[in-house]
Amino acid sequence: GSVFGVIASLSGLYLSYYLDFPSGPSMA
């Protein structure tokens, strides 16, 4: 669960940066 949470957080941040989405919904 910790690994999945870290992966979701980092990939969500990168997704939000490259696609110009809000970071919270991208992480979710």
PDB file of all heavy atoms in Angstrom:
ATOM      1  N   GLY A   1       0.817  -1.212   0.000  1.00  0.00           N
ATOM      2  CA  GLY A   1       0.000   0.000   0.000  1.00  0.00           C
ATOM      3  C   GLY A   1       0.849   1.259   0.000  1.00  0.00           C
ATOM      4  O   GLY A   1       0.527   2.238  -0.682  1.00  0.00           O
ATOM      5  N   SER A   2       1.943   1.223   0.749  1.00  0.00           N
ATOM      6  CA  SER A   2       2.858   2.369   0.765  1.00  0.00           C
ATOM      7  C   SER A   2       3.498   2.577  -0.602  1.00  0.00           C
ATOM      8  O   SER A   2       3.585   3.703  -1.098  1.00  0.00           O
ATOM      9  CB  SER A   2       3.948   2.167   1.815  1.00  0.00           C
ATOM     10  OG  SER A   2       3.390   2.070   3.093  1.00  0.00           O
ATOM     11  N   VAL A   3       3.924   1.484  -1.212  1.00  0.00           N
ATOM     12  CA  VAL A   3       4.534   1.573  -2.548  1.00  0.00           C
ATOM     13  C   VAL A   3       3.515   2.099  -3.553  1.00  0.00           C
ATOM     14  O   VAL A   3       3.813   2.998  -4.350  1.00  0.00           O
ATOM     15  CB  VAL A   3       5.104   0.209  -2.989  1.00  0.00           C
ATOM     16  CG1 VAL A   3       5.495   0.218  -4.459  1.00  0.00           C
ATOM     17  CG2 VAL A   3       6.295  -0.166  -2.125  1.00  0.00           C
ATOM     18  N   PHE A   4       2.287   1.559  -3.511  1.00  0.00           N
ATOM     19  CA  PHE A   4       1.251   2.029  -4.431  1.00  0.00           C
ATOM     20  C   PHE A   4       0.943   3.511  -4.197  1.00  0.00           C
ATOM     21  O   PHE A   4       0.704   4.254  -5.148  1.00  0.00           O
ATOM     22  CB  PHE A   4      -0.028   1.201  -4.286  1.00  0.00           C
ATOM     23  CG  PHE A   4       0.068  -0.195  -4.817  1.00  0.00           C
ATOM     24  CD1 PHE A   4      -0.768  -1.184  -4.332  1.00  0.00           C
ATOM     25  CD2 PHE A   4       0.981  -0.538  -5.800  1.00  0.00           C
ATOM     26  CE1 PHE A   4      -0.705  -2.479  -4.819  1.00  0.00           C
ATOM     27  CE2 PHE A   4       1.061  -1.839  -6.294  1.00  0.00           C
ATOM     28  CZ  PHE A   4       0.217  -2.796  -5.803  1.00  0.00           C
ATOM     29  N   GLY A   5       0.929   3.938  -2.951  1.00  0.00           N
ATOM     30  CA  GLY A   5       0.670   5.341  -2.644  1.00  0.00           C
ATOM     31  C   GLY A   5       1.754   6.265  -3.177  1.00  0.00           C
ATOM     32  O   GLY A   5       1.467   7.331  -3.732  1.00  0.00           O
ATOM     33  N   VAL A   6       3.008   5.853  -3.021  1.00  0.00           N
ATOM     34  CA  VAL A   6       4.118   6.658  -3.539  1.00  0.00           C
ATOM     35  C   VAL A   6       4.064   6.721  -5.067  1.00  0.00           C
ATOM     36  O   VAL A   6       4.221   7.796  -5.669  1.00  0.00           O
ATOM     37  CB  VAL A   6       5.483   6.095  -3.054  1.00  0.00           C
ATOM     38  CG1 VAL A   6       6.639   6.728  -3.805  1.00  0.00           C
ATOM     39  CG2 VAL A   6       5.630   6.313  -1.558  1.00  0.00           C
ATOM     40  N   ILE A   7       3.811   5.575  -5.697  1.00  0.00           N
ATOM     41  CA  ILE A   7       3.723   5.543  -7.161  1.00  0.00           C
ATOM     42  C   ILE A   7       2.574   6.434  -7.634  1.00  0.00           C
ATOM     43  O   ILE A   7       2.720   7.205  -8.586  1.00  0.00           O
ATOM     44  CB  ILE A   7       3.553   4.096  -7.671  1.00  0.00           C
ATOM     45  CG1 ILE A   7       4.839   3.298  -7.446  1.00  0.00           C
ATOM     46  CG2 ILE A   7       3.175   4.081  -9.147  1.00  0.00           C
ATOM     47  CD1 ILE A   7       4.687   1.803  -7.696  1.00  0.00           C
ATOM     48  N   ALA A   8       1.428   6.348  -6.968  1.00  0.00           N
ATOM     49  CA  ALA A   8       0.276   7.169  -7.352  1.00  0.00           C
ATOM     50  C   ALA A   8       0.571   8.656  -7.167  1.00  0.00           C
ATOM     51  O   ALA A   8       0.215   9.475  -8.023  1.00  0.00           O
ATOM     52  CB  ALA A   8      -0.953   6.769  -6.532  1.00  0.00           C
ATOM     53  N   SER A   9       1.250   8.999  -6.079  1.00  0.00           N
ATOM     54  CA  SER A   9       1.568  10.404  -5.828  1.00  0.00           C
ATOM     55  C   SER A   9       2.524  10.959  -6.872  1.00  0.00           C
ATOM     56  O   SER A   9       2.282  12.022  -7.458  1.00  0.00           O
ATOM     57  CB  SER A   9       2.189  10.573  -4.437  1.00  0.00           C
ATOM     58  OG  SER A   9       1.282  10.185  -3.447  1.00  0.00           O
ATOM     59  N   LEU A  10       3.604  10.239  -7.113  1.00  0.00           N
ATOM     60  CA  LEU A  10       4.604  10.731  -8.073  1.00  0.00           C
ATOM     61  C   LEU A  10       4.063  10.735  -9.495  1.00  0.00           C
ATOM     62  O   LEU A  10       4.235  11.715 -10.226  1.00  0.00           O
ATOM     63  CB  LEU A  10       5.876   9.894  -7.982  1.00  0.00           C
ATOM     64  CG  LEU A  10       6.671  10.025  -6.686  1.00  0.00           C
ATOM     65  CD1 LEU A  10       7.864   9.084  -6.687  1.00  0.00           C
ATOM     66  CD2 LEU A  10       7.120  11.457  -6.475  1.00  0.00           C
ATOM     67  N   SER A  11       3.405   9.653  -9.890  1.00  0.00           N
ATOM     68  CA  SER A  11       2.878   9.624 -11.260  1.00  0.00           C
ATOM     69  C   SER A  11       1.765  10.655 -11.430  1.00  0.00           C
ATOM     70  O   SER A  11       1.638  11.269 -12.492  1.00  0.00           O
ATOM     71  CB  SER A  11       2.405   8.225 -11.642  1.00  0.00           C
ATOM     72  OG  SER A  11       1.380   7.795 -10.788  1.00  0.00           O
ATOM     73  N   GLY A  12       0.973  10.880 -10.386  1.00  0.00           N
ATOM     74  CA  GLY A  12      -0.062  11.916 -10.447  1.00  0.00           C
ATOM     75  C   GLY A  12       0.526  13.307 -10.578  1.00  0.00           C
ATOM     76  O   GLY A  12       0.012  14.152 -11.325  1.00  0.00           O
ATOM     77  N   LEU A  13       1.619  13.568  -9.866  1.00  0.00           N
ATOM     78  CA  LEU A  13       2.279  14.874  -9.995  1.00  0.00           C
ATOM     79  C   LEU A  13       2.845  15.076 -11.390  1.00  0.00           C
ATOM     80  O   LEU A  13       2.705  16.151 -11.983  1.00  0.00           O
ATOM     81  CB  LEU A  13       3.381  15.019  -8.945  1.00  0.00           C
ATOM     82  CG  LEU A  13       2.940  15.371  -7.537  1.00  0.00           C
ATOM     83  CD1 LEU A  13       4.121  15.369  -6.586  1.00  0.00           C
ATOM     84  CD2 LEU A  13       2.245  16.712  -7.501  1.00  0.00           C
ATOM     85  N   TYR A  14       3.494  14.053 -11.927  1.00  0.00           N
ATOM     86  CA  TYR A  14       4.033  14.168 -13.279  1.00  0.00           C
ATOM     87  C   TYR A  14       2.912  14.297 -14.306  1.00  0.00           C
ATOM     88  O   TYR A  14       3.015  15.077 -15.256  1.00  0.00           O
ATOM     89  CB  TYR A  14       4.949  12.986 -13.618  1.00  0.00           C
ATOM     90  CG  TYR A  14       6.329  13.158 -13.034  1.00  0.00           C
ATOM     91  CD1 TYR A  14       6.711  12.468 -11.892  1.00  0.00           C
ATOM     92  CD2 TYR A  14       7.238  14.051 -13.600  1.00  0.00           C
ATOM     93  CE1 TYR A  14       7.962  12.643 -11.334  1.00  0.00           C
ATOM     94  CE2 TYR A  14       8.488  14.226 -13.053  1.00  0.00           C
ATOM     95  CZ  TYR A  14       8.847  13.522 -11.922  1.00  0.00           C
ATOM     96  OH  TYR A  14      10.088  13.707 -11.370  1.00  0.00           O
ATOM     97  N   LEU A  15       1.839  13.539 -14.132  1.00  0.00           N
ATOM     98  CA  LEU A  15       0.687  13.641 -15.023  1.00  0.00           C
ATOM     99  C   LEU A  15       0.112  15.060 -14.979  1.00  0.00           C
ATOM    100  O   LEU A  15      -0.195  15.641 -16.027  1.00  0.00           O
ATOM    101  CB  LEU A  15      -0.372  12.613 -14.608  1.00  0.00           C
ATOM    102  CG  LEU A  15      -1.634  12.522 -15.446  1.00  0.00           C
ATOM    103  CD1 LEU A  15      -1.307  11.910 -16.812  1.00  0.00           C
ATOM    104  CD2 LEU A  15      -2.672  11.670 -14.737  1.00  0.00           C
ATOM    105  N   SER A  16      -0.001  15.619 -13.795  1.00  0.00           N
ATOM    106  CA  SER A  16      -0.549  16.972 -13.672  1.00  0.00           C
ATOM    107  C   SER A  16       0.366  18.003 -14.319  1.00  0.00           C
ATOM    108  O   SER A  16      -0.104  18.968 -14.909  1.00  0.00           O
ATOM    109  CB  SER A  16      -0.785  17.321 -12.204  1.00  0.00           C
ATOM    110  OG  SER A  16       0.430  17.562 -11.530  1.00  0.00           O
ATOM    111  N   TYR A  17       1.663  17.780 -14.221  1.00  0.00           N
ATOM    112  CA  TYR A  17       2.601  18.732 -14.809  1.00  0.00           C
ATOM    113  C   TYR A  17       2.561  18.681 -16.336  1.00  0.00           C
ATOM    114  O   TYR A  17       2.424  19.697 -17.000  1.00  0.00           O
ATOM    115  CB  TYR A  17       4.027  18.464 -14.316  1.00  0.00           C
ATOM    116  CG  TYR A  17       5.057  19.331 -14.996  1.00  0.00           C
ATOM    117  CD1 TYR A  17       5.139  20.688 -14.706  1.00  0.00           C
ATOM    118  CD2 TYR A  17       5.932  18.791 -15.925  1.00  0.00           C
ATOM    119  CE1 TYR A  17       6.066  21.497 -15.330  1.00  0.00           C
ATOM    120  CE2 TYR A  17       6.867  19.591 -16.552  1.00  0.00           C
ATOM    121  CZ  TYR A  17       6.936  20.946 -16.254  1.00  0.00           C
ATOM    122  OH  TYR A  17       7.847  21.737 -16.880  1.00  0.00           O
ATOM    123  N   TYR A  18       2.660  17.480 -16.898  1.00  0.00           N
ATOM    124  CA  TYR A  18       2.763  17.346 -18.350  1.00  0.00           C
ATOM    125  C   TYR A  18       1.429  17.566 -19.071  1.00  0.00           C
ATOM    126  O   TYR A  18       1.405  17.975 -20.216  1.00  0.00           O
ATOM    127  CB  TYR A  18       3.364  15.990 -18.731  1.00  0.00           C
ATOM    128  CG  TYR A  18       4.839  15.936 -18.442  1.00  0.00           C
ATOM    129  CD1 TYR A  18       5.337  15.114 -17.447  1.00  0.00           C
ATOM    130  CD2 TYR A  18       5.741  16.740 -19.138  1.00  0.00           C
ATOM    131  CE1 TYR A  18       6.696  15.073 -17.166  1.00  0.00           C
ATOM    132  CE2 TYR A  18       7.101  16.717 -18.864  1.00  0.00           C
ATOM    133  CZ  TYR A  18       7.562  15.883 -17.885  1.00  0.00           C
ATOM    134  OH  TYR A  18       8.901  15.856 -17.599  1.00  0.00           O
ATOM    135  N   LEU A  19       0.311  17.258 -18.420  1.00  0.00           N
ATOM    136  CA  LEU A  19      -0.993  17.432 -19.055  1.00  0.00           C
ATOM    137  C   LEU A  19      -1.733  18.666 -18.547  1.00  0.00           C
ATOM    138  O   LEU A  19      -2.878  18.894 -18.935  1.00  0.00           O
ATOM    139  CB  LEU A  19      -1.847  16.181 -18.851  1.00  0.00           C
ATOM    140  CG  LEU A  19      -1.279  14.891 -19.443  1.00  0.00           C
ATOM    141  CD1 LEU A  19      -2.193  13.719 -19.130  1.00  0.00           C
ATOM    142  CD2 LEU A  19      -1.062  15.022 -20.939  1.00  0.00           C
ATOM    143  N   ASP A  20      -1.102  19.423 -17.649  1.00  0.00           N
ATOM    144  CA  ASP A  20      -1.669  20.643 -17.086  1.00  0.00           C
ATOM    145  C   ASP A  20      -3.007  20.383 -16.390  1.00  0.00           C
ATOM    146  O   ASP A  20      -3.983  21.090 -16.591  1.00  0.00           O
ATOM    147  CB  ASP A  20      -1.806  21.716 -18.171  1.00  0.00           C
ATOM    148  CG  ASP A  20      -1.973  23.112 -17.573  1.00  0.00           C
ATOM    149  OD1 ASP A  20      -1.481  23.330 -16.445  1.00  0.00           O
ATOM    150  OD2 ASP A  20      -2.600  23.968 -18.225  1.00  0.00           O
ATOM    151  N   PHE A  21      -3.040  19.317 -15.591  1.00  0.00           N
ATOM    152  CA  PHE A  21      -4.206  18.980 -14.778  1.00  0.00           C
ATOM    153  C   PHE A  21      -3.934  19.409 -13.340  1.00  0.00           C
ATOM    154  O   PHE A  21      -2.781  19.558 -12.938  1.00  0.00           O
ATOM    155  CB  PHE A  21      -4.458  17.469 -14.774  1.00  0.00           C
ATOM    156  CG  PHE A  21      -4.949  16.894 -16.071  1.00  0.00           C
ATOM    157  CD1 PHE A  21      -4.815  15.540 -16.309  1.00  0.00           C
ATOM    158  CD2 PHE A  21      -5.564  17.668 -17.036  1.00  0.00           C
ATOM    159  CE1 PHE A  21      -5.268  14.982 -17.491  1.00  0.00           C
ATOM    160  CE2 PHE A  21      -6.019  17.132 -18.214  1.00  0.00           C
ATOM    161  CZ  PHE A  21      -5.868  15.774 -18.439  1.00  0.00           C
ATOM    162  N   PRO A  22      -4.967  19.551 -12.519  1.00  0.00           N
ATOM    163  CA  PRO A  22      -4.749  19.782 -11.086  1.00  0.00           C
ATOM    164  C   PRO A  22      -4.061  18.562 -10.458  1.00  0.00           C
ATOM    165  O   PRO A  22      -4.351  17.422 -10.831  1.00  0.00           O
ATOM    166  CB  PRO A  22      -6.152  19.972 -10.518  1.00  0.00           C
ATOM    167  CG  PRO A  22      -7.042  20.198 -11.681  1.00  0.00           C
ATOM    168  CD  PRO A  22      -6.374  19.614 -12.886  1.00  0.00           C
ATOM    169  N   SER A  23      -3.177  18.792  -9.508  1.00  0.00           N
ATOM    170  CA  SER A  23      -2.378  17.686  -8.957  1.00  0.00           C
ATOM    171  C   SER A  23      -3.195  16.708  -8.120  1.00  0.00           C
ATOM    172  O   SER A  23      -2.992  15.495  -8.205  1.00  0.00           O
ATOM    173  CB  SER A  23      -1.210  18.232  -8.137  1.00  0.00           C
ATOM    174  OG  SER A  23      -1.679  19.007  -7.062  1.00  0.00           O
ATOM    175  N   GLY A  24      -4.128  17.181  -7.313  1.00  0.00           N
ATOM    176  CA  GLY A  24      -4.914  16.288  -6.455  1.00  0.00           C
ATOM    177  C   GLY A  24      -5.715  15.257  -7.236  1.00  0.00           C
ATOM    178  O   GLY A  24      -5.588  14.052  -6.996  1.00  0.00           O
ATOM    179  N   PRO A  25      -6.556  15.705  -8.174  1.00  0.00           N
ATOM    180  CA  PRO A  25      -7.303  14.726  -8.960  1.00  0.00           C
ATOM    181  C   PRO A  25      -6.394  13.812  -9.789  1.00  0.00           C
ATOM    182  O   PRO A  25      -6.731  12.642 -10.010  1.00  0.00           O
ATOM    183  CB  PRO A  25      -8.178  15.587  -9.874  1.00  0.00           C
ATOM    184  CG  PRO A  25      -8.325  16.872  -9.144  1.00  0.00           C
ATOM    185  CD  PRO A  25      -7.032  17.059  -8.408  1.00  0.00           C
ATOM    186  N   SER A  26      -5.248  14.309 -10.221  1.00  0.00           N
ATOM    187  CA  SER A  26      -4.315  13.471 -10.987  1.00  0.00           C
ATOM    188  C   SER A  26      -3.774  12.343 -10.121  1.00  0.00           C
ATOM    189  O   SER A  26      -3.641  11.201 -10.577  1.00  0.00           O
ATOM    190  CB  SER A  26      -3.155  14.303 -11.529  1.00  0.00           C
ATOM    191  OG  SER A  26      -3.626  15.271 -12.428  1.00  0.00           O
ATOM    192  N   MET A  27      -3.454  12.642  -8.867  1.00  0.00           N
ATOM    193  CA  MET A  27      -2.981  11.603  -7.950  1.00  0.00           C
ATOM    194  C   MET A  27      -4.080  10.587  -7.665  1.00  0.00           C
ATOM    195  O   MET A  27      -3.828   9.382  -7.629  1.00  0.00           O
ATOM    196  CB  MET A  27      -2.498  12.222  -6.647  1.00  0.00           C
ATOM    197  CG  MET A  27      -1.207  12.966  -6.753  1.00  0.00           C
ATOM    198  SD  MET A  27      -0.686  13.495  -5.118  1.00  0.00           S
ATOM    199  CE  MET A  27      -0.220  15.159  -5.457  1.00  0.00           C
ATOM    200  N   ALA A  28      -5.298  11.067  -7.462  1.00  0.00           N
ATOM    201  CA  ALA A  28      -6.416  10.161  -7.207  1.00  0.00           C
ATOM    202  C   ALA A  28      -6.688   9.290  -8.432  1.00  0.00           C
ATOM    203  O   ALA A  28      -6.968   8.088  -8.302  1.00  0.00           O
ATOM    204  CB  ALA A  28      -7.669  10.952  -6.829  1.00  0.00           C
TER     205      ALA A  28
END
